[in-house]
PDB file of N, CA and C in Angstrom:
ATOM      1  N   MET A   1       0.727  -1.271  -0.189  1.00  0.00           N
ATOM      2  CA  MET A   1      -0.126   0.162   0.026  1.00  0.00           C
ATOM      3  C   MET A   1       0.742   1.310   0.033  1.00  0.00           C
ATOM      4  N   SER A   2       0.640   2.115  -0.825  1.00  0.00           N
ATOM      5  CA  SER A   2       0.998   3.617  -0.719  1.00  0.00           C
ATOM      6  C   SER A   2       1.337   4.130   0.698  1.00  0.00           C
ATOM      7  N   THR A   3       2.669   5.043   0.360  1.00  0.00           N
ATOM      8  CA  THR A   3       2.601   5.805   1.795  1.00  0.00           C
ATOM      9  C   THR A   3       1.059   6.671   1.853  1.00  0.00           C
ATOM     10  N   GLU A   4       1.222   7.577   0.744  1.00  0.00           N
ATOM     11  CA  GLU A   4       0.122   8.152   0.819  1.00  0.00           C
ATOM     12  C   GLU A   4      -1.362   8.003   0.883  1.00  0.00           C
ATOM     13  N   ILE A   5      -1.899   6.730   1.010  1.00  0.00           N
ATOM     14  CA  ILE A   5      -2.661   6.297   1.002  1.00  0.00           C
ATOM     15  C   ILE A   5      -2.873   6.245   2.629  1.00  0.00           C
ATOM     16  N   GLN A   6      -1.521   5.331   3.027  1.00  0.00           N
ATOM     17  CA  GLN A   6      -2.253   4.858   4.274  1.00  0.00           C
ATOM     18  C   GLN A   6      -2.094   5.894   5.195  1.00  0.00           C
ATOM     19  N   LEU A   7      -1.216   7.361   5.046  1.00  0.00           N
ATOM     20  CA  LEU A   7      -1.196   8.336   5.920  1.00  0.00           C
ATOM     21  C   LEU A   7      -2.538   8.798   5.503  1.00  0.00           C
ATOM     22  N   ALA A   8      -3.547   8.797   4.893  1.00  0.00           N
ATOM     23  CA  ALA A   8      -4.888   9.272   4.424  1.00  0.00           C
ATOM     24  C   ALA A   8      -5.829   8.477   5.031  1.00  0.00           C
ATOM     25  N   LYS A   9      -5.246   6.903   5.088  1.00  0.00           N
ATOM     26  CA  LYS A   9      -6.403   6.238   5.943  1.00  0.00           C
ATOM     27  C   LYS A   9      -6.277   6.452   7.231  1.00  0.00           C
ATOM     28  N   ASN A  10      -4.800   6.991   7.910  1.00  0.00           N
ATOM     29  CA  ASN A  10      -4.468   6.896   9.506  1.00  0.00           C
ATOM     30  C   ASN A  10      -5.317   8.533   9.981  1.00  0.00           C
ATOM     31  N   GLN A  11      -5.460   9.412   8.392  1.00  0.00           N
ATOM     32  CA  GLN A  11      -6.000  10.831   8.740  1.00  0.00           C
ATOM     33  C   GLN A  11      -7.276  10.671   9.253  1.00  0.00           C
ATOM     34  N   VAL A  12      -8.122   9.789   8.549  1.00  0.00           N
ATOM     35  CA  VAL A  12      -9.588   9.648   8.543  1.00  0.00           C
ATOM     36  C   VAL A  12      -9.931   8.632   9.956  1.00  0.00           C
ATOM     37  N   LYS A  13      -9.257   7.906  10.348  1.00  0.00           N
ATOM     38  CA  LYS A  13      -8.942   7.280  11.663  1.00  0.00           C
ATOM     39  C   LYS A  13      -9.221   8.374  12.777  1.00  0.00           C
ATOM     40  N   LEU A  14      -8.186   8.851  12.451  1.00  0.00           N
ATOM     41  CA  LEU A  14      -7.906   9.914  13.964  1.00  0.00           C
ATOM     42  C   LEU A  14      -8.916  10.912  13.926  1.00  0.00           C
ATOM     43  N   GLN A  15      -9.939  11.303  12.676  1.00  0.00           N
ATOM     44  CA  GLN A  15     -10.650  12.507  12.899  1.00  0.00           C
ATOM     45  C   GLN A  15     -12.077  11.695  13.329  1.00  0.00           C
ATOM     46  N   ASN A  16     -11.910  10.469  13.065  1.00  0.00           N
ATOM     47  CA  ASN A  16     -13.048   9.727  13.511  1.00  0.00           C
ATOM     48  C   ASN A  16     -13.242   9.484  15.295  1.00  0.00           C
ATOM     49  N   TRP A  17     -11.609   9.715  15.437  1.00  0.00           N
ATOM     50  CA  TRP A  17     -11.359   9.478  16.897  1.00  0.00           C
ATOM     51  C   TRP A  17     -11.812  10.854  17.563  1.00  0.00           C
ATOM     52  N   ALA A  18     -11.040  11.506  17.025  1.00  0.00           N
ATOM     53  CA  ALA A  18     -11.047  13.092  17.773  1.00  0.00           C
ATOM     54  C   ALA A  18     -12.928  13.609  17.797  1.00  0.00           C
ATOM     55  N   ALA A  19     -13.776  12.844  16.693  1.00  0.00           N
ATOM     56  CA  ALA A  19     -15.029  13.047  16.686  1.00  0.00           C
ATOM     57  C   ALA A  19     -15.673  12.550  18.044  1.00  0.00           C
ATOM     58  N   GLU A  20     -15.252  10.974  18.490  1.00  0.00           N
ATOM     59  CA  GLU A  20     -15.863  10.481  19.266  1.00  0.00           C
ATOM     60  C   GLU A  20     -15.203  11.226  20.486  1.00  0.00           C
ATOM     61  N   LEU A  21     -13.894  11.662  20.649  1.00  0.00           N
ATOM     62  CA  LEU A  21     -13.790  12.411  22.432  1.00  0.00           C
ATOM     63  C   LEU A  21     -14.454  13.327  22.374  1.00  0.00           C
ATOM     64  N   GLN A  22     -14.613  14.399  21.111  1.00  0.00           N
ATOM     65  CA  GLN A  22     -15.523  15.722  21.302  1.00  0.00           C
ATOM     66  C   GLN A  22     -17.116  15.298  21.902  1.00  0.00           C
ATOM     67  N   THR A  23     -17.487  14.117  21.514  1.00  0.00           N
ATOM     68  CA  THR A  23     -18.721  13.697  21.744  1.00  0.00           C
ATOM     69  C   THR A  23     -18.806  13.349  22.981  1.00  0.00           C
ATOM     70  N   TYR A  24     -17.898  12.525  23.581  1.00  0.00           N
ATOM     71  CA  TYR A  24     -17.659  11.933  24.573  1.00  0.00           C
ATOM     72  C   TYR A  24     -17.517  12.874  25.495  1.00  0.00           C
ATOM     73  N   ASN A  25     -17.036  14.382  25.462  1.00  0.00           N
ATOM     74  CA  ASN A  25     -16.533  15.270  26.063  1.00  0.00           C
ATOM     75  C   ASN A  25     -17.960  16.705  26.390  1.00  0.00           C
ATOM     76  N   SER A  26     -18.767  16.137  25.089  1.00  0.00           N
ATOM     77  CA  SER A  26     -20.103  16.987  25.444  1.00  0.00           C
ATOM     78  C   SER A  26     -21.301  16.263  26.300  1.00  0.00           C
ATOM     79  N   SER A  27     -21.070  14.630  26.869  1.00  0.00           N
ATOM     80  CA  SER A  27     -22.127  14.062  26.810  1.00  0.00           C
ATOM     81  C   SER A  27     -21.847  13.846  28.439  1.00  0.00           C
ATOM     82  N   GLY A  28     -21.587  14.614  29.139  1.00  0.00           N
ATOM     83  CA  GLY A  28     -21.405  14.452  30.569  1.00  0.00           C
ATOM     84  C   GLY A  28     -21.051  13.451  31.271  1.00  0.00           C
ATOM     85  N   MET A  29     -20.988  12.376  30.524  1.00  0.00           N
ATOM     86  CA  MET A  29     -20.814  11.036  31.623  1.00  0.00           C
ATOM     87  C   MET A  29     -19.308  10.750  31.980  1.00  0.00           C
ATOM     88  N   THR A  30     -19.258   9.679  32.873  1.00  0.00           N
ATOM     89  CA  THR A  30     -17.729   9.545  33.134  1.00  0.00           C
ATOM     90  C   THR A  30     -17.429   8.674  31.742  1.00  0.00           C
ATOM     91  N   VAL A  31     -16.041   8.234  31.655  1.00  0.00           N
ATOM     92  CA  VAL A  31     -15.650   7.630  30.495  1.00  0.00           C
ATOM     93  C   VAL A  31     -16.267   5.899  30.752  1.00  0.00           C
ATOM     94  N   GLN A  32     -16.218   5.342  31.767  1.00  0.00           N
ATOM     95  CA  GLN A  32     -16.639   4.308  31.860  1.00  0.00           C
ATOM     96  C   GLN A  32     -18.444   3.875  31.488  1.00  0.00           C
ATOM     97  N   GLN A  33     -19.274   5.148  31.537  1.00  0.00           N
ATOM     98  CA  GLN A  33     -20.420   5.401  30.983  1.00  0.00           C
ATOM     99  C   GLN A  33     -20.816   4.730  29.792  1.00  0.00           C
ATOM    100  N   TRP A  34     -19.933   6.279  28.812  1.00  0.00           N
ATOM    101  CA  TRP A  34     -19.792   6.683  27.505  1.00  0.00           C
ATOM    102  C   TRP A  34     -19.117   5.629  26.749  1.00  0.00           C
ATOM    103  N   CYS A  35     -18.126   4.811  27.759  1.00  0.00           N
ATOM    104  CA  CYS A  35     -18.038   3.760  26.624  1.00  0.00           C
ATOM    105  C   CYS A  35     -18.570   2.481  26.579  1.00  0.00           C
ATOM    106  N   ALA A  36     -19.492   2.381  27.862  1.00  0.00           N
ATOM    107  CA  ALA A  36     -20.446   1.130  27.668  1.00  0.00           C
ATOM    108  C   ALA A  36     -21.940   1.555  27.307  1.00  0.00           C
ATOM    109  N   GLU A  37     -22.056   2.956  26.926  1.00  0.00           N
ATOM    110  CA  GLU A  37     -23.331   3.349  26.271  1.00  0.00           C
ATOM    111  C   GLU A  37     -22.700   3.179  24.564  1.00  0.00           C
ATOM    112  N   ASN A  38     -21.292   3.017  24.459  1.00  0.00           N
ATOM    113  CA  ASN A  38     -20.912   3.326  22.831  1.00  0.00           C
ATOM    114  C   ASN A  38     -20.248   1.923  22.256  1.00  0.00           C
ATOM    115  N   GLY A  39     -20.271   0.841  22.917  1.00  0.00           N
ATOM    116  CA  GLY A  39     -19.701  -0.401  22.991  1.00  0.00           C
ATOM    117  C   GLY A  39     -18.193  -0.278  22.570  1.00  0.00           C
ATOM    118  N   ILE A  40     -17.321   0.744  23.424  1.00  0.00           N
ATOM    119  CA  ILE A  40     -16.176   0.662  23.420  1.00  0.00           C
ATOM    120  C   ILE A  40     -15.781   0.299  24.542  1.00  0.00           C
ATOM    121  N   SER A  41     -14.499  -0.483  24.636  1.00  0.00           N
ATOM    122  CA  SER A  41     -13.725  -0.801  26.266  1.00  0.00           C
ATOM    123  C   SER A  41     -12.798   0.856  26.474  1.00  0.00           C
ATOM    124  N   VAL A  42     -12.893   0.823  27.801  1.00  0.00           N
ATOM    125  CA  VAL A  42     -12.202   1.878  28.578  1.00  0.00           C
ATOM    126  C   VAL A  42     -10.605   1.816  28.097  1.00  0.00           C
ATOM    127  N   LYS A  43      -9.764   0.663  27.311  1.00  0.00           N
ATOM    128  CA  LYS A  43      -8.777   0.486  27.171  1.00  0.00           C
ATOM    129  C   LYS A  43      -8.860   1.107  25.808  1.00  0.00           C
ATOM    130  N   THR A  44      -9.551   1.067  24.971  1.00  0.00           N
ATOM    131  CA  THR A  44      -9.798   1.506  23.882  1.00  0.00           C
ATOM    132  C   THR A  44      -9.813   2.771  23.419  1.00  0.00           C
ATOM    133  N   TYR A  45     -10.662   3.317  24.459  1.00  0.00           N
ATOM    134  CA  TYR A  45     -10.885   4.811  24.530  1.00  0.00           C
ATOM    135  C   TYR A  45      -9.777   5.551  24.742  1.00  0.00           C
ATOM    136  N   TYR A  46      -8.897   4.990  25.425  1.00  0.00           N
ATOM    137  CA  TYR A  46      -7.612   5.500  26.229  1.00  0.00           C
ATOM    138  C   TYR A  46      -6.635   5.618  25.153  1.00  0.00           C
ATOM    139  N   TYR A  47      -6.568   4.242  24.303  1.00  0.00           N
ATOM    140  CA  TYR A  47      -5.619   4.180  23.301  1.00  0.00           C
ATOM    141  C   TYR A  47      -6.098   5.076  22.565  1.00  0.00           C
ATOM    142  N   ARG A  48      -6.993   5.344  21.723  1.00  0.00           N
ATOM    143  CA  ARG A  48      -7.476   6.043  20.907  1.00  0.00           C
ATOM    144  C   ARG A  48      -7.305   8.012  21.235  1.00  0.00           C
ATOM    145  N   MET A  49      -7.641   8.373  22.723  1.00  0.00           N
ATOM    146  CA  MET A  49      -7.009   9.588  23.041  1.00  0.00           C
ATOM    147  C   MET A  49      -6.039   9.393  23.274  1.00  0.00           C
ATOM    148  N   ARG A  50      -4.786   9.085  23.388  1.00  0.00           N
ATOM    149  CA  ARG A  50      -3.466   9.269  23.014  1.00  0.00           C
ATOM    150  C   ARG A  50      -3.550   9.256  21.970  1.00  0.00           C
ATOM    151  N   LYS A  51      -3.628   8.016  20.765  1.00  0.00           N
ATOM    152  CA  LYS A  51      -3.122   9.065  19.484  1.00  0.00           C
ATOM    153  C   LYS A  51      -4.057  10.173  18.747  1.00  0.00           C
ATOM    154  N   VAL A  52      -4.912  10.568  19.029  1.00  0.00           N
ATOM    155  CA  VAL A  52      -4.965  11.835  19.204  1.00  0.00           C
ATOM    156  C   VAL A  52      -4.384  13.125  19.089  1.00  0.00           C
ATOM    157  N   ARG A  53      -4.189  12.949  20.904  1.00  0.00           N
ATOM    158  CA  ARG A  53      -3.460  13.715  21.738  1.00  0.00           C
ATOM    159  C   ARG A  53      -1.936  13.558  20.451  1.00  0.00           C
ATOM    160  N   GLU A  54      -1.495  12.145  20.464  1.00  0.00           N
ATOM    161  CA  GLU A  54       0.250  12.221  19.948  1.00  0.00           C
ATOM    162  C   GLU A  54      -0.245  13.040  18.479  1.00  0.00           C
ATOM    163  N   ALA A  55      -0.943  12.553  17.585  1.00  0.00           N
ATOM    164  CA  ALA A  55      -1.079  13.904  16.139  1.00  0.00           C
ATOM    165  C   ALA A  55      -1.297  15.082  16.249  1.00  0.00           C
ATOM    166  N   MET A  56      -2.004  15.608  17.557  1.00  0.00           N
ATOM    167  CA  MET A  56      -2.333  16.900  17.866  1.00  0.00           C
ATOM    168  C   MET A  56      -0.922  17.805  17.983  1.00  0.00           C
ATOM    169  N   LEU A  57      -0.427  17.086  18.735  1.00  0.00           N
ATOM    170  CA  LEU A  57       1.459  17.547  19.036  1.00  0.00           C
ATOM    171  C   LEU A  57       2.124  17.433  18.255  1.00  0.00           C
ATOM    172  N   SER A  58       2.234  16.544  17.419  1.00  0.00           N
ATOM    173  CA  SER A  58       2.750  16.128  16.242  1.00  0.00           C
ATOM    174  C   SER A  58       3.086  16.795  15.086  1.00  0.00           C
ATOM    175  N   GLU A  59       1.884  17.002  15.014  1.00  0.00           N
ATOM    176  CA  GLU A  59       1.223  17.728  14.017  1.00  0.00           C
ATOM    177  C   GLU A  59       1.200  19.548  13.750  1.00  0.00           C
ATOM    178  N   ASN A  60       1.186  19.820  15.422  1.00  0.00           N
ATOM    179  CA  ASN A  60       1.190  21.282  15.732  1.00  0.00           C
ATOM    180  C   ASN A  60       0.034  21.918  15.283  1.00  0.00           C
ATOM    181  N   ARG A  61      -1.104  21.022  15.396  1.00  0.00           N
ATOM    182  CA  ARG A  61      -2.740  21.373  15.133  1.00  0.00           C
ATOM    183  C   ARG A  61      -3.393  20.995  16.626  1.00  0.00           C
ATOM    184  N   VAL A  62      -4.448  21.976  16.590  1.00  0.00           N
ATOM    185  CA  VAL A  62      -5.155  21.801  17.751  1.00  0.00           C
ATOM    186  C   VAL A  62      -6.244  20.531  17.577  1.00  0.00           C
ATOM    187  N   VAL A  63      -6.465  20.398  16.589  1.00  0.00           N
ATOM    188  CA  VAL A  63      -7.518  19.428  16.400  1.00  0.00           C
ATOM    189  C   VAL A  63      -7.671  18.697  15.250  1.00  0.00           C
ATOM    190  N   PRO A  64      -7.174  17.207  14.754  1.00  0.00           N
ATOM    191  CA  PRO A  64      -6.591  16.583  13.251  1.00  0.00           C
ATOM    192  C   PRO A  64      -8.068  16.566  12.807  1.00  0.00           C
ATOM    193  N   ILE A  65      -8.341  17.421  12.676  1.00  0.00           N
ATOM    194  CA  ILE A  65      -9.683  16.756  11.856  1.00  0.00           C
ATOM    195  C   ILE A  65     -10.416  17.722  10.206  1.00  0.00           C
ATOM    196  N   GLY A  66      -8.615  17.889   9.643  1.00  0.00           N
ATOM    197  CA  GLY A  66      -8.811  19.029   8.353  1.00  0.00           C
ATOM    198  C   GLY A  66      -8.796  20.091   8.906  1.00  0.00           C
ATOM    199  N   THR A  67      -9.199  20.984   7.942  1.00  0.00           N
ATOM    200  CA  THR A  67      -9.385  22.689   8.193  1.00  0.00           C
ATOM    201  C   THR A  67     -10.335  23.429   8.780  1.00  0.00           C
ATOM    202  N   GLN A  68     -11.278  22.515   9.155  1.00  0.00           N
ATOM    203  CA  GLN A  68     -12.474  23.416   9.717  1.00  0.00           C
ATOM    204  C   GLN A  68     -11.991  23.101  11.261  1.00  0.00           C
ATOM    205  N   GLN A  69     -12.294  24.252  12.106  1.00  0.00           N
ATOM    206  CA  GLN A  69     -12.517  24.617  13.213  1.00  0.00           C
ATOM    207  C   GLN A  69     -14.364  24.607  13.854  1.00  0.00           C
ATOM    208  N   LEU A  70     -13.970  23.473  14.819  1.00  0.00           N
ATOM    209  CA  LEU A  70     -15.433  22.715  15.381  1.00  0.00           C
ATOM    210  C   LEU A  70     -16.071  24.066  16.079  1.00  0.00           C
ATOM    211  N   SER A  71     -14.689  24.533  17.039  1.00  0.00           N
ATOM    212  CA  SER A  71     -15.031  25.352  18.408  1.00  0.00           C
ATOM    213  C   SER A  71     -14.204  26.439  18.401  1.00  0.00           C
ATOM    214  N   ASP A  72     -14.332  27.179  18.768  1.00  0.00           N
ATOM    215  CA  ASP A  72     -13.672  28.943  19.880  1.00  0.00           C
ATOM    216  C   ASP A  72     -12.758  28.142  21.021  1.00  0.00           C
ATOM    217  N   LYS A  73     -12.690  26.901  20.877  1.00  0.00           N
ATOM    218  CA  LYS A  73     -11.802  26.207  22.794  1.00  0.00           C
ATOM    219  C   LYS A  73     -11.843  24.552  22.382  1.00  0.00           C
ATOM    220  N   ILE A  74     -10.613  24.504  23.142  1.00  0.00           N
ATOM    221  CA  ILE A  74     -10.623  23.070  23.629  1.00  0.00           C
ATOM    222  C   ILE A  74     -10.661  22.528  24.782  1.00  0.00           C
ATOM    223  N   GLU A  75     -11.555  21.448  24.936  1.00  0.00           N
ATOM    224  CA  GLU A  75     -12.053  21.243  25.873  1.00  0.00           C
ATOM    225  C   GLU A  75     -11.496  19.631  26.299  1.00  0.00           C
ATOM    226  N   ILE A  76     -10.812  19.622  27.511  1.00  0.00           N
ATOM    227  CA  ILE A  76      -9.710  18.551  28.086  1.00  0.00           C
ATOM    228  C   ILE A  76     -10.455  17.832  29.195  1.00  0.00           C
ATOM    229  N   ALA A  77     -10.973  16.609  28.969  1.00  0.00           N
ATOM    230  CA  ALA A  77     -11.620  16.197  30.440  1.00  0.00           C
ATOM    231  C   ALA A  77     -11.167  14.662  30.574  1.00  0.00           C
ATOM    232  N   SER A  78     -10.995  14.522  32.306  1.00  0.00           N
ATOM    233  CA  SER A  78     -10.485  13.540  32.422  1.00  0.00           C
ATOM    234  C   SER A  78     -11.240  12.823  33.835  1.00  0.00           C
ATOM    235  N   ASP A  79     -11.885  12.158  33.785  1.00  0.00           N
ATOM    236  CA  ASP A  79     -12.709  12.224  35.061  1.00  0.00           C
ATOM    237  C   ASP A  79     -13.022  13.389  35.652  1.00  0.00           C
ATOM    238  N   ASP A  80     -12.942  13.174  36.921  1.00  0.00           N
ATOM    239  CA  ASP A  80     -13.236  14.956  37.214  1.00  0.00           C
ATOM    240  C   ASP A  80     -12.724  15.867  37.242  1.00  0.00           C
ATOM    241  N   ILE A  81     -12.156  16.044  35.791  1.00  0.00           N
ATOM    242  CA  ILE A  81     -10.785  17.127  35.819  1.00  0.00           C
ATOM    243  C   ILE A  81     -11.403  17.612  34.449  1.00  0.00           C
ATOM    244  N   ARG A  82     -12.008  18.767  34.117  1.00  0.00           N
ATOM    245  CA  ARG A  82     -11.929  19.265  33.093  1.00  0.00           C
ATOM    246  C   ARG A  82     -11.039  20.667  32.797  1.00  0.00           C
ATOM    247  N   ILE A  83     -10.954  21.339  31.820  1.00  0.00           N
ATOM    248  CA  ILE A  83      -9.490  22.201  31.211  1.00  0.00           C
ATOM    249  C   ILE A  83     -10.111  22.695  29.978  1.00  0.00           C
ATOM    250  N   THR A  84     -10.365  23.897  30.335  1.00  0.00           N
ATOM    251  CA  THR A  84     -10.802  24.782  28.879  1.00  0.00           C
ATOM    252  C   THR A  84      -9.867  25.930  28.069  1.00  0.00           C
ATOM    253  N   LEU A  85      -9.455  25.150  27.108  1.00  0.00           N
ATOM    254  CA  LEU A  85      -8.359  26.410  26.606  1.00  0.00           C
ATOM    255  C   LEU A  85      -8.996  27.067  24.862  1.00  0.00           C
ATOM    256  N   PRO A  86      -8.239  28.443  25.072  1.00  0.00           N
ATOM    257  CA  PRO A  86      -8.810  28.703  23.251  1.00  0.00           C
ATOM    258  C   PRO A  86      -8.096  28.123  22.380  1.00  0.00           C
ATOM    259  N   ALA A  87      -9.087  28.083  21.368  1.00  0.00           N
ATOM    260  CA  ALA A  87      -8.751  26.776  20.304  1.00  0.00           C
ATOM    261  C   ALA A  87      -7.278  27.210  19.430  1.00  0.00           C
ATOM    262  N   GLY A  88      -6.996  28.801  19.601  1.00  0.00           N
ATOM    263  CA  GLY A  88      -5.716  29.121  19.315  1.00  0.00           C
ATOM    264  C   GLY A  88      -4.599  29.067  19.983  1.00  0.00           C
ATOM    265  N   CYS A  89      -4.457  28.300  20.997  1.00  0.00           N
ATOM    266  CA  CYS A  89      -3.470  28.531  22.220  1.00  0.00           C
ATOM    267  C   CYS A  89      -2.622  27.723  21.280  1.00  0.00           C
ATOM    268  N   SER A  90      -1.262  27.788  21.831  1.00  0.00           N
ATOM    269  CA  SER A  90      -0.126  27.190  21.025  1.00  0.00           C
ATOM    270  C   SER A  90      -0.012  25.768  21.484  1.00  0.00           C
ATOM    271  N   ALA A  91       0.951  24.957  20.721  1.00  0.00           N
ATOM    272  CA  ALA A  91       1.342  23.684  20.952  1.00  0.00           C
ATOM    273  C   ALA A  91       1.952  23.634  22.142  1.00  0.00           C
ATOM    274  N   GLU A  92       2.850  24.517  22.203  1.00  0.00           N
ATOM    275  CA  GLU A  92       3.711  24.230  23.679  1.00  0.00           C
ATOM    276  C   GLU A  92       2.477  24.216  24.723  1.00  0.00           C
ATOM    277  N   THR A  93       1.904  25.175  24.863  1.00  0.00           N
ATOM    278  CA  THR A  93       0.680  25.230  26.131  1.00  0.00           C
ATOM    279  C   THR A  93      -0.096  23.865  25.852  1.00  0.00           C
ATOM    280  N   LEU A  94      -0.734  23.545  25.168  1.00  0.00           N
ATOM    281  CA  LEU A  94      -1.319  22.158  24.790  1.00  0.00           C
ATOM    282  C   LEU A  94      -0.393  20.912  25.507  1.00  0.00           C
ATOM    283  N   HIS A  95       0.845  21.347  24.929  1.00  0.00           N
ATOM    284  CA  HIS A  95       1.576  19.809  25.176  1.00  0.00           C
ATOM    285  C   HIS A  95       1.966  20.193  26.659  1.00  0.00           C
ATOM    286  N   MET A  96       2.066  21.295  27.433  1.00  0.00           N
ATOM    287  CA  MET A  96       2.007  21.461  28.902  1.00  0.00           C
ATOM    288  C   MET A  96       1.006  21.176  29.266  1.00  0.00           C
ATOM    289  N   VAL A  97      -0.153  21.140  29.393  1.00  0.00           N
ATOM    290  CA  VAL A  97      -1.484  20.769  29.817  1.00  0.00           C
ATOM    291  C   VAL A  97      -1.343  19.247  29.654  1.00  0.00           C
ATOM    292  N   LEU A  98      -1.177  18.840  28.749  1.00  0.00           N
ATOM    293  CA  LEU A  98      -1.402  17.025  28.537  1.00  0.00           C
ATOM    294  C   LEU A  98      -0.436  16.404  29.489  1.00  0.00           C
ATOM    295  N   ARG A  99       0.976  17.101  29.537  1.00  0.00           N
ATOM    296  CA  ARG A  99       1.908  16.611  30.310  1.00  0.00           C
ATOM    297  C   ARG A  99       1.410  16.887  32.183  1.00  0.00           C
ATOM    298  N   VAL A 100       0.888  17.687  32.205  1.00  0.00           N
ATOM    299  CA  VAL A 100       0.503  17.570  33.494  1.00  0.00           C
ATOM    300  C   VAL A 100      -0.988  16.927  33.868  1.00  0.00           C
ATOM    301  N   LEU A 101      -1.868  16.696  32.954  1.00  0.00           N
ATOM    302  CA  LEU A 101      -3.112  15.665  33.173  1.00  0.00           C
ATOM    303  C   LEU A 101      -2.424  14.410  33.431  1.00  0.00           C
ATOM    304  N   LYS A 102      -1.539  14.046  32.391  1.00  0.00           N
ATOM    305  CA  LYS A 102      -0.481  12.424  32.636  1.00  0.00           C
ATOM    306  C   LYS A 102      -0.395  12.298  34.015  1.00  0.00           C
ATOM    307  N   ASN A 103      -0.098  13.314  34.731  1.00  0.00           N
ATOM    308  CA  ASN A 103       1.032  12.984  35.926  1.00  0.00           C
ATOM    309  C   ASN A 103      -0.357  13.182  37.248  1.00  0.00           C
ATOM    310  N   VAL A 104      -1.224  13.871  36.414  1.00  0.00           N
ATOM    311  CA  VAL A 104      -2.414  13.942  37.543  1.00  0.00           C
ATOM    312  C   VAL A 104      -3.206  12.606  37.923  1.00  0.00           C
ATOM    313  N   THR A 105      -3.434  11.841  36.478  1.00  0.00           N
ATOM    314  CA  THR A 105      -4.366  11.005  36.141  1.00  0.00           C
ATOM    315  C   THR A 105      -3.684   9.758  36.364  1.00  0.00           C
TER     316      THR A 105
END
């Protein structure tokens, strides 16, 4: 399979996972509740979240969803912690927040 096709497939997969994460963030449910309702294991949810975060940081982008901006803010939630950042925040700021969250959770 050509590299371009594989990159496109990975981008689509990340877009779908990013959309799932946004759905969860707006659901008001715990990760366990949301995963049970959507037929996704908690382990799979966190794997996908990690991959989306890695893509965000490596591509220096806020959300890996093409050229559209869905919101004027970034919301990051983990259990009972919720952080809201402006959509235009720097990659360094986002990286720092994710690093702190990783150490907290």
